[in-house]
């Protein structure tokens, strides 16, 4: 007699517990950091570009970008670089070109303390 091969038993499926979904949290509006909203006064080099009145750092950066876009100073091939005109060259410490990541660093150096 040939021994019958027992069919391998399939493991029993375990019951999957369904987790009740928690209600989604309501999104609250982000609060701006108070340090960024504190008005800063630009020195004469920076004031030639953004104006002499005190303004928050966020607005200062926005005005720098408005000036860059208006005068077409962003490099055509490498958009991360900003080509300096006469006013921007003074801001960049004499450099002909600077990275957009260095823009706020140069602006911070040209604030009245």
PDB file of N, CA and C in Angstrom:
ATOM      1  N   UNK A   1       0.818  -1.181   0.000  1.00  0.00           N
ATOM      2  CA  UNK A   1       0.000   0.000   0.000  1.00  0.00           C
ATOM      3  C   UNK A   1       0.860   1.241   0.000  1.00  0.00           C
ATOM      4  N   UNK A   2       0.460   2.092  -0.825  1.00  0.00           N
ATOM      5  CA  UNK A   2       1.188   3.348  -0.910  1.00  0.00           C
ATOM      6  C   UNK A   2       0.676   4.295   0.171  1.00  0.00           C
ATOM      7  N   UNK A   3       1.587   4.901   0.814  1.00  0.00           N
ATOM      8  CA  UNK A   3       1.183   5.826   1.878  1.00  0.00           C
ATOM      9  C   UNK A   3       0.616   7.089   1.229  1.00  0.00           C
ATOM     10  N   UNK A   4      -0.535   7.460   1.726  1.00  0.00           N
ATOM     11  CA  UNK A   4      -1.150   8.666   1.192  1.00  0.00           C
ATOM     12  C   UNK A   4      -0.460   9.882   1.793  1.00  0.00           C
ATOM     13  N   UNK A   5      -0.184  10.801   0.918  1.00  0.00           N
ATOM     14  CA  UNK A   5       0.427  12.047   1.398  1.00  0.00           C
ATOM     15  C   UNK A   5      -0.669  12.920   1.972  1.00  0.00           C
ATOM     16  N   UNK A   6      -0.384  13.390   3.137  1.00  0.00           N
ATOM     17  CA  UNK A   6      -1.360  14.288   3.756  1.00  0.00           C
ATOM     18  C   UNK A   6      -1.202  15.670   3.132  1.00  0.00           C
ATOM     19  N   UNK A   7      -2.300  16.254   2.810  1.00  0.00           N
ATOM     20  CA  UNK A   7      -2.274  17.605   2.264  1.00  0.00           C
ATOM     21  C   UNK A   7      -1.877  18.565   3.380  1.00  0.00           C
ATOM     22  N   UNK A   8      -0.976  19.472   3.056  1.00  0.00           N
ATOM     23  CA  UNK A   8      -0.529  20.427   4.068  1.00  0.00           C
ATOM     24  C   UNK A   8      -1.698  21.315   4.461  1.00  0.00           C
ATOM     25  N   UNK A   9      -1.867  21.426   5.759  1.00  0.00           N
ATOM     26  CA  UNK A   9      -2.969  22.272   6.238  1.00  0.00           C
ATOM     27  C   UNK A   9      -2.600  23.728   6.057  1.00  0.00           C
ATOM     28  N   UNK A  10      -3.547  24.458   5.601  1.00  0.00           N
ATOM     29  CA  UNK A  10      -3.340  25.904   5.473  1.00  0.00           C
ATOM     30  C   UNK A  10      -3.524  26.515   6.857  1.00  0.00           C
ATOM     31  N   UNK A  11      -2.646  27.453   7.192  1.00  0.00           N
ATOM     32  CA  UNK A  11      -2.811  28.073   8.507  1.00  0.00           C
ATOM     33  C   UNK A  11      -4.125  28.843   8.550  1.00  0.00           C
ATOM     34  N   UNK A  12      -4.764  28.796   9.677  1.00  0.00           N
ATOM     35  CA  UNK A  12      -6.048  29.476   9.839  1.00  0.00           C
ATOM     36  C   UNK A  12      -5.827  30.980   9.775  1.00  0.00           C
ATOM     37  N   UNK A  13      -6.700  31.656   9.101  1.00  0.00           N
ATOM     38  CA  UNK A  13      -6.603  33.106   8.994  1.00  0.00           C
ATOM     39  C   UNK A  13      -7.024  33.725  10.310  1.00  0.00           C
ATOM     40  N   UNK A  14      -6.204  34.647  10.744  1.00  0.00           N
ATOM     41  CA  UNK A  14      -6.514  35.334  11.988  1.00  0.00           C
ATOM     42  C   UNK A  14      -7.458  36.486  11.680  1.00  0.00           C
ATOM     43  N   UNK A  15      -8.342  36.726  12.591  1.00  0.00           N
ATOM     44  CA  UNK A  15      -9.285  37.825  12.414  1.00  0.00           C
ATOM     45  C   UNK A  15      -8.519  39.142  12.526  1.00  0.00           C
ATOM     46  N   UNK A  16      -8.720  40.010  11.576  1.00  0.00           N
ATOM     47  CA  UNK A  16      -8.048  41.308  11.571  1.00  0.00           C
ATOM     48  C   UNK A  16      -8.923  42.287  12.336  1.00  0.00           C
ATOM     49  N   UNK A  17      -8.321  42.890  13.316  1.00  0.00           N
ATOM     50  CA  UNK A  17      -9.071  43.870  14.102  1.00  0.00           C
ATOM     51  C   UNK A  17      -9.089  45.180  13.333  1.00  0.00           C
ATOM     52  N   UNK A  18     -10.240  45.738  13.206  1.00  0.00           N
ATOM     53  CA  UNK A  18     -10.355  47.023  12.534  1.00  0.00           C
ATOM     54  C   UNK A  18     -10.225  48.119  13.589  1.00  0.00           C
ATOM     55  N   UNK A  19      -9.328  49.028  13.302  1.00  0.00           N
ATOM     56  CA  UNK A  19      -9.098  50.123  14.225  1.00  0.00           C
ATOM     57  C   UNK A  19     -10.033  51.266  13.842  1.00  0.00           C
ATOM     58  N   UNK A  20     -10.726  51.755  14.826  1.00  0.00           N
ATOM     59  CA  UNK A  20     -11.642  52.863  14.560  1.00  0.00           C
ATOM     60  C   UNK A  20     -10.815  54.101  14.212  1.00  0.00           C
ATOM     61  N   UNK A  21     -11.201  54.773  13.153  1.00  0.00           N
ATOM     62  CA  UNK A  21     -10.475  55.960  12.733  1.00  0.00           C
ATOM     63  C   UNK A  21     -10.769  57.104  13.683  1.00  0.00           C
ATOM     64  N   UNK A  22      -9.683  57.788  14.038  1.00  0.00           N
ATOM     65  CA  UNK A  22      -9.846  58.950  14.909  1.00  0.00           C
ATOM     66  C   UNK A  22     -10.259  60.127  14.028  1.00  0.00           C
ATOM     67  N   UNK A  23     -11.078  61.016  14.571  1.00  0.00           N
ATOM     68  CA  UNK A  23     -11.460  62.174  13.760  1.00  0.00           C
ATOM     69  C   UNK A  23     -10.224  63.030  13.450  1.00  0.00           C
ATOM     70  N   UNK A  24     -10.181  63.522  12.241  1.00  0.00           N
ATOM     71  CA  UNK A  24      -9.034  64.317  11.798  1.00  0.00           C
ATOM     72  C   UNK A  24      -8.952  65.600  12.616  1.00  0.00           C
ATOM     73  N   UNK A  25      -7.702  65.985  12.935  1.00  0.00           N
ATOM     74  CA  UNK A  25      -7.512  67.214  13.693  1.00  0.00           C
ATOM     75  C   UNK A  25      -7.801  68.400  12.783  1.00  0.00           C
ATOM     76  N   UNK A  26      -8.418  69.386  13.369  1.00  0.00           N
ATOM     77  CA  UNK A  26      -8.675  70.599  12.588  1.00  0.00           C
ATOM     78  C   UNK A  26      -7.377  71.369  12.452  1.00  0.00           C
ATOM     79  N   UNK A  27      -7.103  71.813  11.237  1.00  0.00           N
ATOM     80  CA  UNK A  27      -5.874  72.558  10.993  1.00  0.00           C
ATOM     81  C   UNK A  27      -6.042  73.981  11.511  1.00  0.00           C
ATOM     82  N   UNK A  28      -5.048  74.410  12.262  1.00  0.00           N
ATOM     83  CA  UNK A  28      -5.062  75.777  12.756  1.00  0.00           C
ATOM     84  C   UNK A  28      -4.089  76.589  11.924  1.00  0.00           C
ATOM     85  N   UNK A  29      -4.356  77.849  11.803  1.00  0.00           N
ATOM     86  CA  UNK A  29      -3.487  78.718  11.024  1.00  0.00           C
ATOM     87  C   UNK A  29      -2.137  78.821  11.718  1.00  0.00           C
ATOM     88  N   UNK A  30      -1.074  78.785  10.938  1.00  0.00           N
ATOM     89  CA  UNK A  30       0.263  78.887  11.506  1.00  0.00           C
ATOM     90  C   UNK A  30       0.482  80.287  12.050  1.00  0.00           C
ATOM     91  N   UNK A  31       1.127  80.342  13.186  1.00  0.00           N
ATOM     92  CA  UNK A  31       1.450  81.633  13.777  1.00  0.00           C
ATOM     93  C   UNK A  31       2.872  81.992  13.369  1.00  0.00           C
ATOM     94  N   UNK A  32       3.081  83.188  12.827  1.00  0.00           N
ATOM     95  CA  UNK A  32       4.434  83.569  12.439  1.00  0.00           C
ATOM     96  C   UNK A  32       5.312  83.763  13.673  1.00  0.00           C
ATOM     97  N   UNK A  33       6.580  83.455  13.529  1.00  0.00           N
ATOM     98  CA  UNK A  33       7.536  83.627  14.604  1.00  0.00           C
ATOM     99  C   UNK A  33       7.691  85.116  14.895  1.00  0.00           C
ATOM    100  N   UNK A  34       7.623  85.481  16.155  1.00  0.00           N
ATOM    101  CA  UNK A  34       7.691  86.892  16.544  1.00  0.00           C
ATOM    102  C   UNK A  34       9.013  87.535  16.142  1.00  0.00           C
ATOM    103  N   UNK A  35      10.090  86.746  16.138  1.00  0.00           N
ATOM    104  CA  UNK A  35      11.401  87.299  15.776  1.00  0.00           C
ATOM    105  C   UNK A  35      11.436  87.730  14.312  1.00  0.00           C
ATOM    106  N   UNK A  36      10.740  87.013  13.447  1.00  0.00           N
ATOM    107  CA  UNK A  36      10.705  87.385  12.034  1.00  0.00           C
ATOM    108  C   UNK A  36       9.812  88.597  11.791  1.00  0.00           C
ATOM    109  N   UNK A  37       8.845  88.809  12.669  1.00  0.00           N
ATOM    110  CA  UNK A  37       7.891  89.897  12.474  1.00  0.00           C
ATOM    111  C   UNK A  37       8.357  91.213  13.103  1.00  0.00           C
ATOM    112  N   UNK A  38       9.432  91.161  13.875  1.00  0.00           N
ATOM    113  CA  UNK A  38       9.955  92.378  14.499  1.00  0.00           C
ATOM    114  C   UNK A  38      10.571  93.266  13.418  1.00  0.00           C
ATOM    115  N   UNK A  39      10.156  94.520  13.346  1.00  0.00           N
ATOM    116  CA  UNK A  39      10.708  95.403  12.303  1.00  0.00           C
ATOM    117  C   UNK A  39      12.209  95.637  12.481  1.00  0.00           C
ATOM    118  N   UNK A  40      12.922  95.594  11.377  1.00  0.00           N
ATOM    119  CA  UNK A  40      14.355  95.881  11.348  1.00  0.00           C
ATOM    120  C   UNK A  40      14.579  97.068  10.419  1.00  0.00           C
ATOM    121  N   UNK A  41      15.642  97.822  10.698  1.00  0.00           N
ATOM    122  CA  UNK A  41      15.940  99.006   9.904  1.00  0.00           C
ATOM    123  C   UNK A  41      17.138  98.735   9.001  1.00  0.00           C
ATOM    124  N   UNK A  42      16.959  98.867   7.682  1.00  0.00           N
ATOM    125  CA  UNK A  42      18.088  98.649   6.762  1.00  0.00           C
ATOM    126  C   UNK A  42      19.066  99.826   6.807  1.00  0.00           C
ATOM    127  N   UNK A  43      20.368  99.542   6.590  1.00  0.00           N
ATOM    128  CA  UNK A  43      21.347 100.631   6.491  1.00  0.00           C
ATOM    129  C   UNK A  43      21.243 101.248   5.096  1.00  0.00           C
ATOM    130  N   UNK A  44      22.102 102.232   4.791  1.00  0.00           N
ATOM    131  CA  UNK A  44      21.968 102.953   3.519  1.00  0.00           C
ATOM    132  C   UNK A  44      22.189 102.060   2.302  1.00  0.00           C
ATOM    133  N   UNK A  45      23.028 101.039   2.411  1.00  0.00           N
ATOM    134  CA  UNK A  45      23.271 100.133   1.281  1.00  0.00           C
ATOM    135  C   UNK A  45      22.010  99.343   0.944  1.00  0.00           C
ATOM    136  N   UNK A  46      21.386  98.778   1.963  1.00  0.00           N
ATOM    137  CA  UNK A  46      20.177  97.987   1.768  1.00  0.00           C
ATOM    138  C   UNK A  46      18.965  98.886   1.499  1.00  0.00           C
ATOM    139  N   UNK A  47      18.969 100.076   2.091  1.00  0.00           N
ATOM    140  CA  UNK A  47      17.856 101.017   1.900  1.00  0.00           C
ATOM    141  C   UNK A  47      17.750 101.473   0.441  1.00  0.00           C
ATOM    142  N   UNK A  48      18.852 101.459  -0.294  1.00  0.00           N
ATOM    143  CA  UNK A  48      18.824 101.833  -1.711  1.00  0.00           C
ATOM    144  C   UNK A  48      17.990 100.842  -2.522  1.00  0.00           C
ATOM    145  N   UNK A  49      17.838  99.618  -2.005  1.00  0.00           N
ATOM    146  CA  UNK A  49      17.096  98.583  -2.719  1.00  0.00           C
ATOM    147  C   UNK A  49      15.667  98.437  -2.193  1.00  0.00           C
ATOM    148  N   UNK A  50      15.512  98.379  -0.868  1.00  0.00           N
ATOM    149  CA  UNK A  50      14.192  98.073  -0.289  1.00  0.00           C
ATOM    150  C   UNK A  50      13.501  99.262   0.354  1.00  0.00           C
ATOM    151  N   UNK A  51      14.175 100.391   0.495  1.00  0.00           N
ATOM    152  CA  UNK A  51      13.588 101.551   1.151  1.00  0.00           C
ATOM    153  C   UNK A  51      14.124 101.681   2.569  1.00  0.00           C
ATOM    154  N   UNK A  52      14.005 102.892   3.129  1.00  0.00           N
ATOM    155  CA  UNK A  52      14.617 103.180   4.422  1.00  0.00           C
ATOM    156  C   UNK A  52      13.720 102.879   5.615  1.00  0.00           C
ATOM    157  N   UNK A  53      12.444 102.634   5.397  1.00  0.00           N
ATOM    158  CA  UNK A  53      11.531 102.425   6.524  1.00  0.00           C
ATOM    159  C   UNK A  53      11.737 101.051   7.163  1.00  0.00           C
ATOM    160  N   UNK A  54      11.554 100.964   8.500  1.00  0.00           N
ATOM    161  CA  UNK A  54      11.677  99.664   9.174  1.00  0.00           C
ATOM    162  C   UNK A  54      10.603  98.691   8.684  1.00  0.00           C
ATOM    163  N   UNK A  55      10.987  97.435   8.476  1.00  0.00           N
ATOM    164  CA  UNK A  55      10.042  96.426   8.023  1.00  0.00           C
ATOM    165  C   UNK A  55      10.475  95.063   8.539  1.00  0.00           C
ATOM    166  N   UNK A  56       9.526  94.119   8.659  1.00  0.00           N
ATOM    167  CA  UNK A  56       9.882  92.774   9.141  1.00  0.00           C
ATOM    168  C   UNK A  56      10.822  92.070   8.164  1.00  0.00           C
ATOM    169  N   UNK A  57      11.579  91.096   8.681  1.00  0.00           N
ATOM    170  CA  UNK A  57      12.536  90.363   7.842  1.00  0.00           C
ATOM    171  C   UNK A  57      11.853  89.661   6.670  1.00  0.00           C
ATOM    172  N   UNK A  58      10.646  89.180   6.902  1.00  0.00           N
ATOM    173  CA  UNK A  58       9.930  88.500   5.817  1.00  0.00           C
ATOM    174  C   UNK A  58       9.650  89.454   4.669  1.00  0.00           C
ATOM    175  N   UNK A  59       9.221  90.661   5.005  1.00  0.00           N
ATOM    176  CA  UNK A  59       8.942  91.662   3.973  1.00  0.00           C
ATOM    177  C   UNK A  59      10.230  92.126   3.302  1.00  0.00           C
ATOM    178  N   UNK A  60      11.307  92.203   4.065  1.00  0.00           N
ATOM    179  CA  UNK A  60      12.604  92.606   3.520  1.00  0.00           C
ATOM    180  C   UNK A  60      13.034  91.636   2.432  1.00  0.00           C
ATOM    181  N   UNK A  61      12.906  90.337   2.709  1.00  0.00           N
ATOM    182  CA  UNK A  61      13.266  89.319   1.724  1.00  0.00           C
ATOM    183  C   UNK A  61      12.368  89.394   0.502  1.00  0.00           C
ATOM    184  N   UNK A  62      11.078  89.606   0.718  1.00  0.00           N
ATOM    185  CA  UNK A  62      10.144  89.735  -0.399  1.00  0.00           C
ATOM    186  C   UNK A  62      10.528  90.919  -1.287  1.00  0.00           C
ATOM    187  N   UNK A  63      10.877  92.049  -0.674  1.00  0.00           N
ATOM    188  CA  UNK A  63      11.243  93.230  -1.463  1.00  0.00           C
ATOM    189  C   UNK A  63      12.549  93.010  -2.232  1.00  0.00           C
ATOM    190  N   UNK A  64      13.477  92.273  -1.630  1.00  0.00           N
ATOM    191  CA  UNK A  64      14.713  91.950  -2.358  1.00  0.00           C
ATOM    192  C   UNK A  64      14.392  91.136  -3.603  1.00  0.00           C
ATOM    193  N   UNK A  65      13.500  90.152  -3.455  1.00  0.00           N
ATOM    194  CA  UNK A  65      13.139  89.318  -4.605  1.00  0.00           C
ATOM    195  C   UNK A  65      12.358  90.107  -5.655  1.00  0.00           C
ATOM    196  N   UNK A  66      11.539  91.051  -5.235  1.00  0.00           N
ATOM    197  CA  UNK A  66      10.822  91.907  -6.197  1.00  0.00           C
ATOM    198  C   UNK A  66      11.844  92.699  -7.020  1.00  0.00           C
ATOM    199  N   UNK A  67      12.856  93.248  -6.344  1.00  0.00           N
ATOM    200  CA  UNK A  67      13.907  94.005  -7.024  1.00  0.00           C
ATOM    201  C   UNK A  67      14.681  93.117  -8.005  1.00  0.00           C
ATOM    202  N   UNK A  68      15.019  91.897  -7.557  1.00  0.00           N
ATOM    203  CA  UNK A  68      15.775  90.966  -8.409  1.00  0.00           C
ATOM    204  C   UNK A  68      14.975  90.601  -9.653  1.00  0.00           C
ATOM    205  N   UNK A  69      13.705  90.277  -9.476  1.00  0.00           N
ATOM    206  CA  UNK A  69      12.848  89.893 -10.614  1.00  0.00           C
ATOM    207  C   UNK A  69      12.620  91.073 -11.558  1.00  0.00           C
ATOM    208  N   UNK A  70      12.370  92.262 -10.970  1.00  0.00           N
ATOM    209  CA  UNK A  70      12.088  93.453 -11.777  1.00  0.00           C
ATOM    210  C   UNK A  70      13.269  93.813 -12.670  1.00  0.00           C
ATOM    211  N   UNK A  71      14.485  93.658 -12.139  1.00  0.00           N
ATOM    212  CA  UNK A  71      15.685  94.022 -12.893  1.00  0.00           C
ATOM    213  C   UNK A  71      16.324  92.840 -13.621  1.00  0.00           C
ATOM    214  N   UNK A  72      15.710  91.684 -13.571  1.00  0.00           N
ATOM    215  CA  UNK A  72      16.210  90.509 -14.287  1.00  0.00           C
ATOM    216  C   UNK A  72      17.598  90.082 -13.839  1.00  0.00           C
ATOM    217  N   UNK A  73      17.841  90.062 -12.539  1.00  0.00           N
ATOM    218  CA  UNK A  73      19.168  89.753 -12.017  1.00  0.00           C
ATOM    219  C   UNK A  73      19.398  88.263 -11.772  1.00  0.00           C
ATOM    220  N   UNK A  74      18.356  87.465 -11.859  1.00  0.00           N
ATOM    221  CA  UNK A  74      18.518  86.026 -11.654  1.00  0.00           C
ATOM    222  C   UNK A  74      19.211  85.444 -12.881  1.00  0.00           C
ATOM    223  N   UNK A  75      20.239  84.625 -12.656  1.00  0.00           N
ATOM    224  CA  UNK A  75      21.012  84.041 -13.737  1.00  0.00           C
ATOM    225  C   UNK A  75      20.109  83.165 -14.609  1.00  0.00           C
ATOM    226  N   UNK A  76      20.252  83.260 -15.918  1.00  0.00           N
ATOM    227  CA  UNK A  76      19.380  82.517 -16.843  1.00  0.00           C
ATOM    228  C   UNK A  76      19.650  81.012 -16.824  1.00  0.00           C
ATOM    229  N   UNK A  77      20.923  80.622 -16.749  1.00  0.00           N
ATOM    230  CA  UNK A  77      21.264  79.200 -16.775  1.00  0.00           C
ATOM    231  C   UNK A  77      21.146  78.557 -15.398  1.00  0.00           C
ATOM    232  N   UNK A  78      21.708  79.199 -14.385  1.00  0.00           N
ATOM    233  CA  UNK A  78      21.665  78.674 -13.021  1.00  0.00           C
ATOM    234  C   UNK A  78      20.787  79.607 -12.189  1.00  0.00           C
ATOM    235  N   UNK A  79      19.526  79.248 -12.040  1.00  0.00           N
ATOM    236  CA  UNK A  79      18.538  80.115 -11.385  1.00  0.00           C
ATOM    237  C   UNK A  79      18.852  80.373  -9.913  1.00  0.00           C
ATOM    238  N   UNK A  80      19.759  79.572  -9.324  1.00  0.00           N
ATOM    239  CA  UNK A  80      20.102  79.765  -7.913  1.00  0.00           C
ATOM    240  C   UNK A  80      21.048  80.932  -7.703  1.00  0.00           C
ATOM    241  N   UNK A  81      21.626  81.428  -8.770  1.00  0.00           N
ATOM    242  CA  UNK A  81      22.603  82.511  -8.657  1.00  0.00           C
ATOM    243  C   UNK A  81      21.964  83.845  -9.034  1.00  0.00           C
ATOM    244  N   UNK A  82      22.410  84.896  -8.351  1.00  0.00           N
ATOM    245  CA  UNK A  82      21.904  86.244  -8.598  1.00  0.00           C
ATOM    246  C   UNK A  82      23.074  87.081  -9.099  1.00  0.00           C
ATOM    247  N   UNK A  83      22.918  87.656 -10.285  1.00  0.00           N
ATOM    248  CA  UNK A  83      23.934  88.536 -10.844  1.00  0.00           C
ATOM    249  C   UNK A  83      23.734  89.922 -10.253  1.00  0.00           C
ATOM    250  N   UNK A  84      24.805  90.549  -9.830  1.00  0.00           N
ATOM    251  CA  UNK A  84      24.708  91.830  -9.135  1.00  0.00           C
ATOM    252  C   UNK A  84      24.766  93.005 -10.104  1.00  0.00           C
ATOM    253  N   UNK A  85      23.877  93.977  -9.875  1.00  0.00           N
ATOM    254  CA  UNK A  85      24.014  95.269 -10.536  1.00  0.00           C
ATOM    255  C   UNK A  85      24.779  96.159  -9.549  1.00  0.00           C
ATOM    256  N   UNK A  86      24.837  97.469  -9.786  1.00  0.00           N
ATOM    257  CA  UNK A  86      25.627  98.347  -8.913  1.00  0.00           C
ATOM    258  C   UNK A  86      25.144  98.311  -7.460  1.00  0.00           C
ATOM    259  N   UNK A  87      23.828  98.381  -7.250  1.00  0.00           N
ATOM    260  CA  UNK A  87      23.281  98.385  -5.891  1.00  0.00           C
ATOM    261  C   UNK A  87      23.499  97.038  -5.196  1.00  0.00           C
ATOM    262  N   UNK A  88      23.285  95.964  -5.934  1.00  0.00           N
ATOM    263  CA  UNK A  88      23.426  94.632  -5.346  1.00  0.00           C
ATOM    264  C   UNK A  88      24.903  94.298  -5.087  1.00  0.00           C
ATOM    265  N   UNK A  89      25.806  94.852  -5.902  1.00  0.00           N
ATOM    266  CA  UNK A  89      27.232  94.589  -5.712  1.00  0.00           C
ATOM    267  C   UNK A  89      27.684  95.146  -4.359  1.00  0.00           C
ATOM    268  N   UNK A  90      27.158  96.299  -3.983  1.00  0.00           N
ATOM    269  CA  UNK A  90      27.474  96.869  -2.672  1.00  0.00           C
ATOM    270  C   UNK A  90      26.923  95.967  -1.565  1.00  0.00           C
ATOM    271  N   UNK A  91      25.731  95.450  -1.768  1.00  0.00           N
ATOM    272  CA  UNK A  91      25.103  94.555  -0.794  1.00  0.00           C
ATOM    273  C   UNK A  91      25.893  93.257  -0.658  1.00  0.00           C
ATOM    274  N   UNK A  92      26.395  92.738  -1.776  1.00  0.00           N
ATOM    275  CA  UNK A  92      27.134  91.477  -1.790  1.00  0.00           C
ATOM    276  C   UNK A  92      28.602  91.645  -1.391  1.00  0.00           C
ATOM    277  N   UNK A  93      28.990  92.826  -0.975  1.00  0.00           N
ATOM    278  CA  UNK A  93      30.368  93.053  -0.543  1.00  0.00           C
ATOM    279  C   UNK A  93      31.359  93.051  -1.688  1.00  0.00           C
ATOM    280  N   UNK A  94      30.933  93.502  -2.868  1.00  0.00           N
ATOM    281  CA  UNK A  94      31.819  93.589  -4.024  1.00  0.00           C
ATOM    282  C   UNK A  94      31.766  92.395  -4.949  1.00  0.00           C
ATOM    283  N   UNK A  95      31.065  91.340  -4.578  1.00  0.00           N
ATOM    284  CA  UNK A  95      30.966  90.158  -5.440  1.00  0.00           C
ATOM    285  C   UNK A  95      30.069  90.452  -6.638  1.00  0.00           C
ATOM    286  N   UNK A  96      30.400  89.871  -7.787  1.00  0.00           N
ATOM    287  CA  UNK A  96      29.602  90.060  -8.996  1.00  0.00           C
ATOM    288  C   UNK A  96      28.408  89.121  -9.034  1.00  0.00           C
ATOM    289  N   UNK A  97      28.482  88.024  -8.267  1.00  0.00           N
ATOM    290  CA  UNK A  97      27.410  87.039  -8.266  1.00  0.00           C
ATOM    291  C   UNK A  97      27.341  86.390  -6.892  1.00  0.00           C
ATOM    292  N   UNK A  98      26.113  86.080  -6.455  1.00  0.00           N
ATOM    293  CA  UNK A  98      25.931  85.418  -5.162  1.00  0.00           C
ATOM    294  C   UNK A  98      24.787  84.421  -5.262  1.00  0.00           C
ATOM    295  N   UNK A  99      24.810  83.430  -4.391  1.00  0.00           N
ATOM    296  CA  UNK A  99      23.758  82.422  -4.354  1.00  0.00           C
ATOM    297  C   UNK A  99      22.520  82.994  -3.692  1.00  0.00           C
ATOM    298  N   UNK A 100      21.357  82.515  -4.109  1.00  0.00           N
ATOM    299  CA  UNK A 100      20.117  82.997  -3.496  1.00  0.00           C
ATOM    300  C   UNK A 100      20.032  82.581  -2.027  1.00  0.00           C
ATOM    301  N   UNK A 101      20.772  81.534  -1.640  1.00  0.00           N
ATOM    302  CA  UNK A 101      20.775  81.096  -0.249  1.00  0.00           C
ATOM    303  C   UNK A 101      21.582  82.058   0.627  1.00  0.00           C
ATOM    304  N   UNK A 102      22.494  82.805   0.013  1.00  0.00           N
ATOM    305  CA  UNK A 102      23.293  83.779   0.743  1.00  0.00           C
ATOM    306  C   UNK A 102      22.612  85.148   0.823  1.00  0.00           C
ATOM    307  N   UNK A 103      21.509  85.304   0.153  1.00  0.00           N
ATOM    308  CA  UNK A 103      20.826  86.593   0.074  1.00  0.00           C
ATOM    309  C   UNK A 103      20.454  87.126   1.455  1.00  0.00           C
ATOM    310  N   UNK A 104      19.847  86.308   2.291  1.00  0.00           N
ATOM    311  CA  UNK A 104      19.440  86.771   3.623  1.00  0.00           C
ATOM    312  C   UNK A 104      20.659  87.021   4.518  1.00  0.00           C
ATOM    313  N   UNK A 105      21.736  86.278   4.282  1.00  0.00           N
ATOM    314  CA  UNK A 105      22.971  86.498   5.052  1.00  0.00           C
ATOM    315  C   UNK A 105      23.515  87.889   4.761  1.00  0.00           C
ATOM    316  N   UNK A 106      23.551  88.273   3.482  1.00  0.00           N
ATOM    317  CA  UNK A 106      24.034  89.606   3.120  1.00  0.00           C
ATOM    318  C   UNK A 106      23.089  90.687   3.623  1.00  0.00           C
ATOM    319  N   UNK A 107      21.791  90.409   3.591  1.00  0.00           N
ATOM    320  CA  UNK A 107      20.819  91.385   4.067  1.00  0.00           C
ATOM    321  C   UNK A 107      20.976  91.591   5.577  1.00  0.00           C
ATOM    322  N   UNK A 108      21.205  90.514   6.314  1.00  0.00           N
ATOM    323  CA  UNK A 108      21.361  90.613   7.775  1.00  0.00           C
ATOM    324  C   UNK A 108      22.580  91.447   8.164  1.00  0.00           C
ATOM    325  N   UNK A 109      23.609  91.364   7.353  1.00  0.00           N
ATOM    326  CA  UNK A 109      24.820  92.156   7.637  1.00  0.00           C
ATOM    327  C   UNK A 109      24.594  93.650   7.393  1.00  0.00           C
ATOM    328  N   UNK A 110      23.552  93.990   6.656  1.00  0.00           N
ATOM    329  CA  UNK A 110      23.289  95.378   6.315  1.00  0.00           C
ATOM    330  C   UNK A 110      22.071  95.937   7.037  1.00  0.00           C
ATOM    331  N   UNK A 111      21.912  95.543   8.290  1.00  0.00           N
ATOM    332  CA  UNK A 111      20.837  96.074   9.121  1.00  0.00           C
ATOM    333  C   UNK A 111      21.433  96.977  10.198  1.00  0.00           C
ATOM    334  N   UNK A 112      20.688  98.017  10.553  1.00  0.00           N
ATOM    335  CA  UNK A 112      21.114  98.914  11.628  1.00  0.00           C
ATOM    336  C   UNK A 112      20.806  98.218  12.948  1.00  0.00           C
ATOM    337  N   UNK A 113      21.774  98.164  13.815  1.00  0.00           N
ATOM    338  CA  UNK A 113      21.564  97.483  15.097  1.00  0.00           C
ATOM    339  C   UNK A 113      21.226  98.444  16.184  1.00  0.00           C
TER     340      UNK A 113
END
